[in-house]
Amino acid sequence: MWRRIPILTAALLGSVACRGLLILTPAPEWAVEANAEVRRTRSAYFERATALVAGLDDPANDDATVALALAHACAQEYHAYAQARSVLRGRTDPQRATSLQALESPKEKVRATLPIVQAHRAGKPLRRKDYPG
C-alpha cells in the first residue's frame, strides 16, 4: 500500500489535468486595487507617524502608551489605512464592518504604531520598507 502512494502521486502530478490545477490565476482587479490602496495608506500613516513621534514621545510613559497617543494623533491616516485593510479582510459589508471595528481597537492601533515608537526610542529611525504595518 505505502509503496503505491509515491507512484500514484507522480502519475497525478505528471498528468495534464493535474498541471492545470497548479497554474496560478491572476488576482482579481479589485484585489490588486485594494492592495495598492493598503500600500498607499500604510505609507501615508507611516510618514505622518514618523513626523510626529519626536514631539509626542514622553520618556515617563511606556512604549504602548506613546504608541496609542501617536495613533490618536494620526487618526485620519490610521482610519484610511484600517478601511483599506478591511476591504481585503471581508467579502461582505458586515464582514468588512467587523474587520474595521477590530482594526480600530486600541490593541491594533498600538500594534501598528509600536515599531515606530520603539525605533525612535532606540535612536534608529525606522525605514518604510522595514515597517511591518
Protein backbone atom coordinates (compact mmCIF):
# COMPACT_ATOMS: atom_id res chain seq x y z
CA MET A 1 0.00 0.00 0.00
CA TRP A 2 2.63 2.55 1.05
CA ARG A 3 4.78 1.79 -1.99
CA ARG A 4 1.95 2.76 -4.34
CA ILE A 5 1.45 6.29 -2.96
CA PRO A 6 4.63 7.85 -4.47
CA ILE A 7 3.91 6.19 -7.81
CA LEU A 8 0.32 7.38 -7.79
CA THR A 9 1.37 10.90 -6.76
CA ALA A 10 3.98 11.07 -9.52
CA ALA A 11 1.42 9.90 -12.06
CA LEU A 12 -1.09 12.55 -10.95
CA LEU A 13 1.47 15.34 -10.93
CA GLY A 14 2.58 14.39 -14.40
CA SER A 15 -0.90 14.35 -15.85
CA VAL A 16 -2.19 17.25 -17.88
CA ALA A 17 -5.31 17.60 -15.74
CA CYS A 18 -3.27 17.94 -12.55
CA ARG A 19 -0.92 20.50 -14.12
CA GLY A 20 -3.92 22.72 -14.79
CA LEU A 21 -4.58 22.86 -11.07
CA LEU A 22 -1.07 24.12 -10.37
CA ILE A 23 -1.28 27.13 -12.71
CA LEU A 24 -1.88 30.25 -10.71
CA THR A 25 -4.59 32.57 -11.91
CA PRO A 26 -4.04 36.30 -11.69
CA ALA A 27 -5.61 38.17 -8.80
CA PRO A 28 -8.92 39.90 -9.50
CA GLU A 29 -8.73 43.59 -10.39
CA TRP A 30 -10.45 44.70 -7.17
CA ALA A 31 -7.85 42.85 -5.09
CA VAL A 32 -4.98 44.47 -6.96
CA GLU A 33 -6.53 47.91 -6.43
CA ALA A 34 -7.24 47.16 -2.76
CA ASN A 35 -3.62 46.07 -2.22
CA ALA A 36 -2.40 49.28 -3.85
CA GLU A 37 -4.69 51.30 -1.58
CA VAL A 38 -3.40 49.46 1.51
CA ARG A 39 0.19 50.22 0.49
CA ARG A 40 -0.63 53.88 -0.19
CA THR A 41 -2.50 54.42 3.09
CA ARG A 42 0.10 52.48 5.11
CA SER A 43 2.79 54.71 3.64
CA ALA A 44 0.81 57.85 4.47
CA TYR A 45 0.27 56.64 8.03
CA PHE A 46 3.93 55.76 8.42
CA GLU A 47 5.07 59.16 7.13
CA ARG A 48 2.70 61.06 9.44
CA ALA A 49 3.56 58.94 12.49
CA THR A 50 7.33 59.25 11.98
CA ALA A 51 6.94 63.00 11.61
CA LEU A 52 5.06 63.28 14.91
CA VAL A 53 6.80 60.69 17.08
CA ALA A 54 9.55 63.02 18.32
CA GLY A 55 7.04 65.59 19.55
CA LEU A 56 4.81 63.06 21.30
CA ASP A 57 7.47 60.84 22.85
CA ASP A 58 7.49 61.15 26.63
CA PRO A 59 10.18 59.10 28.39
CA ALA A 60 7.98 58.90 31.51
CA ASN A 61 5.42 56.76 29.63
CA ASP A 62 5.84 53.24 28.37
CA ASP A 63 6.08 52.40 24.66
CA ALA A 64 2.47 51.26 24.31
CA THR A 65 1.07 54.46 25.83
CA VAL A 66 3.11 56.62 23.47
CA ALA A 67 2.13 54.39 20.53
CA LEU A 68 -1.57 54.80 21.32
CA ALA A 69 -1.19 58.56 21.67
CA LEU A 70 0.64 58.65 18.36
CA ALA A 71 -2.10 56.60 16.69
CA HIS A 72 -4.70 59.06 18.00
CA ALA A 73 -2.66 61.97 16.67
CA CYS A 74 -2.65 60.29 13.25
CA ALA A 75 -6.29 59.21 13.48
CA GLN A 76 -7.29 60.28 9.98
CA GLU A 77 -4.43 58.42 8.31
CA TYR A 78 -4.93 55.35 10.51
CA HIS A 79 -8.65 55.22 9.74
CA ALA A 80 -7.94 55.33 5.99
CA TYR A 81 -5.39 52.53 6.45
CA ALA A 82 -7.83 50.44 8.51
CA GLN A 83 -10.59 50.94 5.95
CA ALA A 84 -8.31 49.82 3.13
CA ARG A 85 -7.27 46.71 5.07
CA SER A 86 -10.86 45.84 5.94
CA VAL A 87 -11.73 45.62 2.25
CA LEU A 88 -9.22 42.79 1.88
CA ARG A 89 -10.35 41.00 5.03
CA GLY A 90 -14.06 40.72 4.33
CA ARG A 91 -16.13 39.78 1.31
CA THR A 92 -19.40 41.27 2.51
CA ASP A 93 -20.22 44.60 4.11
CA PRO A 94 -20.93 43.09 7.57
CA GLN A 95 -17.59 41.24 7.47
CA ARG A 96 -15.80 44.43 6.45
CA ALA A 97 -17.50 46.38 9.22
CA THR A 98 -16.47 43.77 11.78
CA SER A 99 -12.92 43.83 10.45
CA LEU A 100 -12.82 47.62 10.54
CA GLN A 101 -14.07 47.62 14.11
CA ALA A 102 -11.34 45.16 15.09
CA LEU A 103 -8.67 47.22 13.32
CA GLU A 104 -9.86 50.37 15.10
CA SER A 105 -9.36 48.79 18.53
CA PRO A 106 -6.66 50.25 20.79
CA LYS A 107 -4.77 46.96 20.70
CA GLU A 108 -4.45 47.08 16.89
CA LYS A 109 -3.53 50.76 16.93
CA VAL A 110 -0.71 50.01 19.37
CA ARG A 111 0.40 47.02 17.29
CA ALA A 112 0.61 49.18 14.16
CA THR A 113 2.41 52.09 15.83
CA LEU A 114 4.68 50.38 18.35
CA PRO A 115 7.53 49.65 15.89
CA ILE A 116 7.79 53.36 15.07
CA VAL A 117 7.97 54.33 18.75
CA GLN A 118 10.49 51.61 19.60
CA ALA A 119 12.72 52.57 16.68
CA HIS A 120 12.58 56.21 17.71
CA ARG A 121 13.47 55.40 21.29
CA ALA A 122 16.35 53.20 20.13
CA GLY A 123 17.70 56.11 18.08
CA LYS A 124 17.39 54.17 14.83
CA PRO A 125 14.60 55.67 12.73
CA LEU A 126 12.52 53.01 11.05
CA ARG A 127 12.62 52.85 7.25
CA ARG A 128 9.40 52.48 5.33
CA LYS A 129 10.41 49.16 3.81
CA ASP A 130 11.07 47.73 7.32
CA TYR A 131 7.72 48.89 8.70
CA PRO A 132 5.51 45.83 9.26
CA GLY A 133 2.27 47.83 9.31
